[in-house]
Amino acid sequence: MTRKQKRLSVIAGLGAVLAVALGLILFALRDQIVFFYSPTEIHQKAVATGVPVRLGGLVKAGTWKRSGDRNDFVVTDGTTDMLAHYTGILPDLFREGQGVVVEGAMAGDGTFAATNVLAKHDEKYMPKEVVDELKAKGEWQRGEGG
């Protein structure tokens, strides 16, 4: 075997090892490579208690209740509603009827225990995933942002 053939075989071997490693990484992360889940997807996938996920949708009108630092509100995708609890200061742009992405985990009682709340940054912006989910449910109206 010549030096050139040895070099090519080493390079091919390293390429194969890297391809296998990448495949294993992507397989392990297949359910985590997502920006957020809608309330319907969380119910369908039966996300386990304590598993960190992001919940996205609209804050349902008339559901936001504040008691000191504790905030309770319902996140909806038009089909499924999910009660979320957050303790802390909400972003200034958080309001009912607006798009929101909430980071946290499912609690044992079926509610969502939020650790972080992300609100949209201006009156016309809404995350693309929220817009797509609302369009799929028939709730999207032109001019709402996106």
N, C-alpha and C. Protein backbone atom coordinates (compact mmCIF):
# COMPACT_ATOMS: atom_id res chain seq x y z
N MET A 1 0.85 -1.17 0.00
CA MET A 1 0.00 0.00 0.00
C MET A 1 0.90 1.24 0.00
N THR A 2 0.62 2.17 -0.88
CA THR A 2 1.45 3.37 -0.97
C THR A 2 1.04 4.36 0.11
N ARG A 3 1.84 5.41 0.28
CA ARG A 3 1.55 6.45 1.29
C ARG A 3 0.25 7.16 0.95
N LYS A 4 0.01 7.38 -0.33
CA LYS A 4 -1.21 8.05 -0.75
C LYS A 4 -2.45 7.22 -0.40
N GLN A 5 -2.38 5.93 -0.62
CA GLN A 5 -3.50 5.05 -0.30
C GLN A 5 -3.73 4.98 1.21
N LYS A 6 -2.64 4.96 2.00
CA LYS A 6 -2.77 4.95 3.46
C LYS A 6 -3.44 6.24 3.93
N ARG A 7 -3.02 7.36 3.38
CA ARG A 7 -3.59 8.65 3.76
C ARG A 7 -5.08 8.69 3.41
N LEU A 8 -5.44 8.25 2.24
CA LEU A 8 -6.85 8.23 1.83
C LEU A 8 -7.69 7.30 2.70
N SER A 9 -7.13 6.16 3.08
CA SER A 9 -7.88 5.24 3.93
C SER A 9 -8.08 5.83 5.33
N VAL A 10 -7.07 6.54 5.86
CA VAL A 10 -7.21 7.20 7.17
C VAL A 10 -8.28 8.30 7.09
N ILE A 11 -8.24 9.08 6.02
CA ILE A 11 -9.24 10.15 5.86
C ILE A 11 -10.64 9.56 5.72
N ALA A 12 -10.78 8.49 4.95
CA ALA A 12 -12.08 7.84 4.78
C ALA A 12 -12.57 7.26 6.10
N GLY A 13 -11.69 6.67 6.88
CA GLY A 13 -12.06 6.13 8.19
C GLY A 13 -12.53 7.21 9.14
N LEU A 14 -11.80 8.34 9.18
CA LEU A 14 -12.21 9.46 10.03
C LEU A 14 -13.55 10.03 9.58
N GLY A 15 -13.77 10.11 8.27
CA GLY A 15 -15.05 10.59 7.75
C GLY A 15 -16.20 9.69 8.17
N ALA A 16 -15.97 8.38 8.13
CA ALA A 16 -17.01 7.44 8.55
C ALA A 16 -17.31 7.57 10.03
N VAL A 17 -16.28 7.72 10.85
CA VAL A 17 -16.47 7.89 12.30
C VAL A 17 -17.26 9.17 12.57
N LEU A 18 -16.91 10.26 11.89
CA LEU A 18 -17.63 11.52 12.08
C LEU A 18 -19.08 11.40 11.62
N ALA A 19 -19.34 10.72 10.54
CA ALA A 19 -20.71 10.53 10.05
C ALA A 19 -21.54 9.74 11.06
N VAL A 20 -20.97 8.69 11.62
CA VAL A 20 -21.68 7.89 12.63
C VAL A 20 -21.95 8.74 13.88
N ALA A 21 -20.97 9.52 14.31
CA ALA A 21 -21.15 10.38 15.49
C ALA A 21 -22.25 11.41 15.25
N LEU A 22 -22.26 12.04 14.09
CA LEU A 22 -23.29 13.02 13.76
C LEU A 22 -24.66 12.35 13.73
N GLY A 23 -24.74 11.18 13.14
CA GLY A 23 -26.01 10.45 13.11
C GLY A 23 -26.53 10.14 14.50
N LEU A 24 -25.65 9.71 15.39
CA LEU A 24 -26.06 9.41 16.76
C LEU A 24 -26.53 10.67 17.49
N ILE A 25 -25.84 11.78 17.29
CA ILE A 25 -26.23 13.04 17.94
C ILE A 25 -27.60 13.48 17.45
N LEU A 26 -27.81 13.47 16.15
CA LEU A 26 -29.10 13.88 15.61
C LEU A 26 -30.22 12.95 16.04
N PHE A 27 -29.95 11.65 16.14
CA PHE A 27 -30.95 10.70 16.61
C PHE A 27 -31.32 10.98 18.06
N ALA A 28 -30.33 11.30 18.89
CA ALA A 28 -30.59 11.57 20.31
C ALA A 28 -31.37 12.87 20.49
N LEU A 29 -31.19 13.83 19.61
CA LEU A 29 -31.84 15.13 19.75
C LEU A 29 -33.08 15.29 18.88
N ARG A 30 -33.56 14.23 18.27
CA ARG A 30 -34.64 14.34 17.29
C ARG A 30 -35.88 15.05 17.83
N ASP A 31 -36.23 14.86 19.08
CA ASP A 31 -37.41 15.52 19.64
C ASP A 31 -37.09 16.88 20.26
N GLN A 32 -35.83 17.20 20.43
CA GLN A 32 -35.45 18.46 21.06
C GLN A 32 -35.08 19.54 20.06
N ILE A 33 -34.97 19.20 18.78
CA ILE A 33 -34.62 20.18 17.77
C ILE A 33 -35.91 20.85 17.32
N VAL A 34 -36.47 21.64 18.19
CA VAL A 34 -37.70 22.36 17.93
C VAL A 34 -37.69 23.61 18.79
N PHE A 35 -38.25 24.71 18.28
CA PHE A 35 -38.24 25.94 19.05
C PHE A 35 -39.24 25.88 20.19
N PHE A 36 -40.39 25.31 19.96
CA PHE A 36 -41.37 25.13 21.03
C PHE A 36 -42.44 24.16 20.58
N TYR A 37 -43.23 23.72 21.53
CA TYR A 37 -44.38 22.87 21.26
C TYR A 37 -45.65 23.68 21.55
N SER A 38 -46.70 23.45 20.79
CA SER A 38 -47.99 24.05 21.08
C SER A 38 -48.65 23.23 22.19
N PRO A 39 -49.68 23.77 22.85
CA PRO A 39 -50.37 22.98 23.88
C PRO A 39 -50.91 21.65 23.35
N THR A 40 -51.41 21.64 22.12
CA THR A 40 -51.91 20.40 21.53
C THR A 40 -50.79 19.37 21.39
N GLU A 41 -49.61 19.81 20.92
CA GLU A 41 -48.48 18.89 20.75
C GLU A 41 -48.00 18.35 22.09
N ILE A 42 -48.03 19.17 23.12
CA ILE A 42 -47.60 18.70 24.44
C ILE A 42 -48.55 17.61 24.94
N HIS A 43 -49.86 17.79 24.73
CA HIS A 43 -50.81 16.75 25.13
C HIS A 43 -50.65 15.50 24.29
N GLN A 44 -50.46 15.66 22.97
CA GLN A 44 -50.32 14.50 22.09
C GLN A 44 -49.06 13.69 22.39
N LYS A 45 -47.96 14.38 22.67
CA LYS A 45 -46.70 13.70 22.94
C LYS A 45 -46.61 13.21 24.37
N ALA A 46 -47.55 13.61 25.22
CA ALA A 46 -47.56 13.23 26.63
C ALA A 46 -46.19 13.52 27.26
N VAL A 47 -45.78 14.78 27.19
CA VAL A 47 -44.49 15.20 27.74
C VAL A 47 -44.47 14.88 29.24
N ALA A 48 -43.41 14.22 29.67
CA ALA A 48 -43.29 13.78 31.06
C ALA A 48 -43.09 14.97 32.00
N THR A 49 -43.50 14.79 33.23
CA THR A 49 -43.33 15.81 34.27
C THR A 49 -41.84 16.08 34.48
N GLY A 50 -41.49 17.36 34.53
CA GLY A 50 -40.11 17.75 34.82
C GLY A 50 -39.19 17.84 33.62
N VAL A 51 -39.65 17.42 32.44
CA VAL A 51 -38.82 17.51 31.23
C VAL A 51 -38.86 18.95 30.71
N PRO A 52 -37.71 19.61 30.59
CA PRO A 52 -37.72 21.01 30.13
C PRO A 52 -38.15 21.12 28.65
N VAL A 53 -39.15 21.97 28.40
CA VAL A 53 -39.65 22.22 27.05
C VAL A 53 -40.02 23.69 26.93
N ARG A 54 -40.31 24.09 25.70
CA ARG A 54 -40.84 25.43 25.45
C ARG A 54 -42.27 25.28 24.95
N LEU A 55 -43.15 26.08 25.52
CA LEU A 55 -44.57 26.09 25.16
C LEU A 55 -44.86 27.39 24.44
N GLY A 56 -45.46 27.33 23.26
CA GLY A 56 -45.75 28.54 22.50
C GLY A 56 -47.20 28.62 22.11
N GLY A 57 -47.70 29.85 22.00
CA GLY A 57 -49.08 30.08 21.59
C GLY A 57 -49.49 31.49 21.93
N LEU A 58 -50.77 31.69 22.11
CA LEU A 58 -51.33 32.99 22.48
C LEU A 58 -51.77 32.97 23.93
N VAL A 59 -51.61 34.11 24.61
CA VAL A 59 -52.15 34.24 25.96
C VAL A 59 -53.65 34.48 25.80
N LYS A 60 -54.45 33.56 26.30
CA LYS A 60 -55.90 33.63 26.13
C LYS A 60 -56.46 34.83 26.89
N ALA A 61 -57.32 35.58 26.22
CA ALA A 61 -57.91 36.78 26.80
C ALA A 61 -58.72 36.44 28.04
N GLY A 62 -58.56 37.25 29.08
CA GLY A 62 -59.32 37.09 30.31
C GLY A 62 -58.80 36.04 31.27
N THR A 63 -57.61 35.50 31.01
CA THR A 63 -57.11 34.42 31.86
C THR A 63 -55.91 34.81 32.71
N TRP A 64 -55.33 35.97 32.49
CA TRP A 64 -54.13 36.37 33.23
C TRP A 64 -54.52 36.88 34.60
N LYS A 65 -54.01 36.21 35.63
CA LYS A 65 -54.26 36.62 37.02
C LYS A 65 -52.92 36.79 37.71
N ARG A 66 -52.77 37.91 38.40
CA ARG A 66 -51.52 38.21 39.10
C ARG A 66 -51.80 38.29 40.59
N SER A 67 -50.96 37.63 41.35
CA SER A 67 -51.05 37.67 42.80
C SER A 67 -49.63 37.84 43.34
N GLY A 68 -49.25 39.09 43.60
CA GLY A 68 -47.87 39.37 44.00
C GLY A 68 -46.94 39.09 42.84
N ASP A 69 -45.95 38.22 43.04
CA ASP A 69 -45.02 37.84 41.98
C ASP A 69 -45.55 36.69 41.14
N ARG A 70 -46.59 36.02 41.60
CA ARG A 70 -47.11 34.85 40.88
C ARG A 70 -48.07 35.29 39.78
N ASN A 71 -47.85 34.75 38.59
CA ASN A 71 -48.69 35.03 37.44
C ASN A 71 -49.24 33.71 36.91
N ASP A 72 -50.56 33.65 36.74
CA ASP A 72 -51.22 32.50 36.16
C ASP A 72 -51.91 32.96 34.88
N PHE A 73 -51.72 32.23 33.79
CA PHE A 73 -52.35 32.57 32.52
C PHE A 73 -52.49 31.31 31.69
N VAL A 74 -53.36 31.37 30.70
CA VAL A 74 -53.61 30.24 29.83
C VAL A 74 -52.97 30.51 28.48
N VAL A 75 -52.19 29.53 28.00
CA VAL A 75 -51.61 29.59 26.66
C VAL A 75 -52.45 28.68 25.78
N THR A 76 -52.87 29.21 24.62
CA THR A 76 -53.74 28.45 23.73
C THR A 76 -53.21 28.45 22.31
N ASP A 77 -53.55 27.41 21.56
CA ASP A 77 -53.26 27.38 20.14
C ASP A 77 -54.55 27.36 19.34
N GLY A 78 -55.66 27.64 20.00
CA GLY A 78 -56.96 27.64 19.35
C GLY A 78 -57.70 26.32 19.50
N THR A 79 -56.98 25.25 19.79
CA THR A 79 -57.59 23.95 19.98
C THR A 79 -57.50 23.51 21.44
N THR A 80 -56.30 23.64 22.00
CA THR A 80 -56.05 23.20 23.36
C THR A 80 -55.57 24.37 24.20
N ASP A 81 -56.06 24.44 25.43
CA ASP A 81 -55.61 25.46 26.39
C ASP A 81 -54.74 24.79 27.43
N MET A 82 -53.71 25.52 27.91
CA MET A 82 -52.86 24.99 28.96
C MET A 82 -52.58 26.10 29.97
N LEU A 83 -52.88 25.82 31.23
CA LEU A 83 -52.64 26.77 32.30
C LEU A 83 -51.15 26.79 32.63
N ALA A 84 -50.58 27.99 32.67
CA ALA A 84 -49.17 28.16 33.00
C ALA A 84 -49.04 29.02 34.24
N HIS A 85 -48.05 28.69 35.07
CA HIS A 85 -47.75 29.44 36.29
C HIS A 85 -46.34 29.98 36.17
N TYR A 86 -46.16 31.25 36.49
CA TYR A 86 -44.83 31.86 36.45
C TYR A 86 -44.67 32.75 37.66
N THR A 87 -43.56 32.59 38.36
CA THR A 87 -43.26 33.46 39.50
C THR A 87 -42.10 34.35 39.10
N GLY A 88 -42.36 35.64 39.11
CA GLY A 88 -41.33 36.61 38.73
C GLY A 88 -41.96 37.77 37.98
N ILE A 89 -41.10 38.60 37.44
CA ILE A 89 -41.55 39.78 36.71
C ILE A 89 -41.68 39.42 35.24
N LEU A 90 -42.86 39.67 34.68
CA LEU A 90 -43.10 39.38 33.27
C LEU A 90 -42.52 40.50 32.40
N PRO A 91 -42.20 40.20 31.14
CA PRO A 91 -41.72 41.24 30.23
C PRO A 91 -42.76 42.34 30.08
N ASP A 92 -42.30 43.57 29.82
CA ASP A 92 -43.22 44.70 29.67
C ASP A 92 -44.24 44.49 28.56
N LEU A 93 -43.88 43.77 27.53
CA LEU A 93 -44.77 43.58 26.39
C LEU A 93 -45.71 42.39 26.54
N PHE A 94 -45.68 41.72 27.67
CA PHE A 94 -46.58 40.59 27.91
C PHE A 94 -47.99 41.12 28.10
N ARG A 95 -48.95 40.57 27.36
CA ARG A 95 -50.36 40.94 27.52
C ARG A 95 -51.24 39.85 26.94
N GLU A 96 -52.50 39.90 27.27
CA GLU A 96 -53.46 38.92 26.78
C GLU A 96 -53.67 39.11 25.28
N GLY A 97 -53.86 37.99 24.58
CA GLY A 97 -54.11 38.03 23.15
C GLY A 97 -52.84 38.12 22.31
N GLN A 98 -51.68 38.10 22.94
CA GLN A 98 -50.41 38.23 22.23
C GLN A 98 -49.67 36.90 22.21
N GLY A 99 -48.75 36.78 21.25
CA GLY A 99 -47.93 35.58 21.16
C GLY A 99 -46.91 35.53 22.27
N VAL A 100 -46.64 34.32 22.75
CA VAL A 100 -45.71 34.12 23.85
C VAL A 100 -45.05 32.75 23.71
N VAL A 101 -43.79 32.68 24.13
CA VAL A 101 -43.09 31.40 24.25
C VAL A 101 -42.66 31.30 25.70
N VAL A 102 -43.05 30.20 26.35
CA VAL A 102 -42.81 30.02 27.78
C VAL A 102 -41.88 28.82 27.96
N GLU A 103 -40.78 29.02 28.66
CA GLU A 103 -39.85 27.92 28.95
C GLU A 103 -40.16 27.37 30.33
N GLY A 104 -40.09 26.06 30.46
CA GLY A 104 -40.35 25.43 31.75
C GLY A 104 -40.58 23.94 31.59
N ALA A 105 -41.43 23.39 32.46
CA ALA A 105 -41.70 21.95 32.44
C ALA A 105 -43.13 21.70 32.91
N MET A 106 -43.64 20.53 32.56
CA MET A 106 -44.97 20.15 33.00
C MET A 106 -44.92 19.82 34.49
N ALA A 107 -45.92 20.29 35.21
CA ALA A 107 -46.04 20.00 36.64
C ALA A 107 -46.87 18.72 36.80
N GLY A 108 -46.86 18.16 37.98
CA GLY A 108 -47.58 16.92 38.25
C GLY A 108 -49.08 17.04 38.11
N ASP A 109 -49.62 18.26 38.26
CA ASP A 109 -51.07 18.45 38.19
C ASP A 109 -51.56 18.77 36.77
N GLY A 110 -50.69 18.66 35.76
CA GLY A 110 -51.09 18.89 34.37
C GLY A 110 -50.96 20.33 33.91
N THR A 111 -50.46 21.20 34.77
CA THR A 111 -50.23 22.59 34.38
C THR A 111 -48.77 22.75 33.96
N PHE A 112 -48.44 23.93 33.46
CA PHE A 112 -47.09 24.21 32.99
C PHE A 112 -46.40 25.13 33.98
N ALA A 113 -45.29 24.69 34.57
CA ALA A 113 -44.51 25.49 35.51
C ALA A 113 -43.43 26.22 34.73
N ALA A 114 -43.62 27.52 34.53
CA ALA A 114 -42.72 28.31 33.69
C ALA A 114 -41.52 28.82 34.49
N THR A 115 -40.37 28.80 33.85
CA THR A 115 -39.16 29.37 34.45
C THR A 115 -38.75 30.64 33.72
N ASN A 116 -39.25 30.84 32.51
CA ASN A 116 -38.92 32.02 31.72
C ASN A 116 -40.06 32.29 30.75
N VAL A 117 -40.38 33.58 30.56
CA VAL A 117 -41.44 33.97 29.64
C VAL A 117 -40.85 34.92 28.61
N LEU A 118 -41.05 34.59 27.33
CA LEU A 118 -40.56 35.43 26.24
C LEU A 118 -41.76 36.02 25.52
N ALA A 119 -41.85 37.35 25.49
CA ALA A 119 -42.96 38.02 24.82
C ALA A 119 -42.46 38.62 23.52
N LYS A 120 -43.37 38.89 22.63
CA LYS A 120 -42.98 39.48 21.35
C LYS A 120 -42.38 40.86 21.55
N HIS A 121 -41.56 41.30 20.60
CA HIS A 121 -40.81 42.53 20.83
C HIS A 121 -41.45 43.79 20.27
N ASP A 122 -42.47 43.71 19.46
CA ASP A 122 -43.20 44.90 19.05
C ASP A 122 -44.61 44.51 18.64
N GLU A 123 -45.40 45.49 18.24
CA GLU A 123 -46.81 45.22 17.99
C GLU A 123 -47.09 44.40 16.74
N LYS A 124 -46.10 44.18 15.87
CA LYS A 124 -46.35 43.42 14.65
C LYS A 124 -45.62 42.09 14.60
N TYR A 125 -44.70 41.84 15.48
CA TYR A 125 -43.91 40.62 15.42
C TYR A 125 -44.60 39.48 16.13
N MET A 126 -44.55 38.30 15.51
CA MET A 126 -44.98 37.07 16.16
C MET A 126 -44.07 35.97 15.62
N PRO A 127 -43.58 35.09 16.47
CA PRO A 127 -42.69 34.04 15.99
C PRO A 127 -43.34 33.26 14.84
N LYS A 128 -42.53 32.90 13.84
CA LYS A 128 -43.03 32.21 12.65
C LYS A 128 -43.77 30.93 13.03
N GLU A 129 -43.26 30.21 14.02
CA GLU A 129 -43.90 28.96 14.42
C GLU A 129 -45.30 29.21 14.98
N VAL A 130 -45.48 30.31 15.72
CA VAL A 130 -46.80 30.63 16.26
C VAL A 130 -47.74 30.97 15.10
N VAL A 131 -47.25 31.77 14.12
CA VAL A 131 -48.07 32.13 12.96
C VAL A 131 -48.48 30.87 12.21
N ASP A 132 -47.53 29.96 11.96
CA ASP A 132 -47.84 28.72 11.24
C ASP A 132 -48.88 27.89 11.99
N GLU A 133 -48.73 27.81 13.31
CA GLU A 133 -49.67 27.03 14.12
C GLU A 133 -51.07 27.66 14.07
N LEU A 134 -51.14 29.00 14.13
CA LEU A 134 -52.44 29.68 14.07
C LEU A 134 -53.07 29.53 12.69
N LYS A 135 -52.25 29.59 11.64
CA LYS A 135 -52.78 29.39 10.28
C LYS A 135 -53.35 27.98 10.14
N ALA A 136 -52.65 27.00 10.69
CA ALA A 136 -53.11 25.62 10.60
C ALA A 136 -54.45 25.43 11.32
N LYS A 137 -54.67 26.20 12.38
CA LYS A 137 -55.91 26.10 13.14
C LYS A 137 -57.01 27.01 12.60
N GLY A 138 -56.69 27.85 11.59
CA GLY A 138 -57.67 28.76 11.02
C GLY A 138 -57.92 30.00 11.85
N GLU A 139 -57.02 30.31 12.78
CA GLU A 139 -57.20 31.46 13.67
C GLU A 139 -56.44 32.69 13.20
N TRP A 140 -55.62 32.55 12.18
CA TRP A 140 -54.75 33.65 11.73
C TRP A 140 -55.53 34.62 10.86
N GLN A 141 -55.33 35.93 11.13
CA GLN A 141 -55.93 36.96 10.30
C GLN A 141 -54.82 37.83 9.76
N ARG A 142 -54.90 38.14 8.48
CA ARG A 142 -53.86 38.93 7.83
C ARG A 142 -53.68 40.26 8.56
N GLY A 143 -52.44 40.69 8.69
CA GLY A 143 -52.15 41.96 9.34
C GLY A 143 -51.86 41.83 10.81
N GLU A 144 -51.86 40.61 11.34
CA GLU A 144 -51.59 40.41 12.77
C GLU A 144 -50.10 40.35 13.06
N GLY A 145 -49.28 40.45 12.06
CA GLY A 145 -47.84 40.37 12.29
C GLY A 145 -47.26 39.20 11.54
N GLY A 146 -46.00 38.91 11.87
CA GLY A 146 -45.36 37.78 11.23
C GLY A 146 -44.36 38.23 10.27
